[in-house]
């Protein structure tokens, strides 16, 4: 969510993931869309500040557009509104969970439409950030360059822990795939384990995959990452 030269770098354009998108489309048979969102500037000034939930609002607006878009000219509707598979990586996992879980007490602007909630079939969250206090306890330097600029300077960020948000009312339960590499040195496994406990306690269908060994962002270019998502989607389709 921030521009930074340190550790987790989210200043790249999402067009950098075109190869991943193409591989996912080829392996799953589904069209893949990779949206950009506004970033918190590295050097803030009075007229140049962007904080949460602005980044997530961008993603929500994109998703709402996607489910109503007629698609490219003469190509028909872009997606199957009953089979929407969502994937969020790192900060993206936090943003998606803010939308799909009920964050309205903290960020009411992130309330999705009923149509969007019912369009989602399954969710993949990889190397996710879900609890900022837990993250800063493990990586104290993140508070200075990532958490405070993005969420404001606060004594506690418990209000932004997505594992504390209630489930939103929806037509059906989602299936969740949590992916966390044992080789990730930027976000520790405790984040995904906490989300696993929360979803399990909420009677959601959830799988935690910890078999990958690449680094935080390196997993995105690995065969194992694409294969894990392919198998998950195939398993979900077989339930129909």
Foldseek 3Di string as FASTA:
>chain_A
DADDPDQDHDPDDQVVLVVLQVLLCVLAVAHDDDDAFDHAYQDDDPVRAAAPPRRLLVVLVVLVCLLVDLDPPPPGRRHQLQEDEEEAAAVGLLSVLPQQFPLCVPPVSSDHDLSSNNSYAAYEYELYDQAVVVLCVVVVVCVPRPVCRHHNDDPGPRSSRSLVTHGDDHDDAHEYEYEYEPQEPRRDPVRVVSNVVSCVVVVGHYDYHHPHHDYRPVVSVDPVNSVVVSVVSVVSVVVD
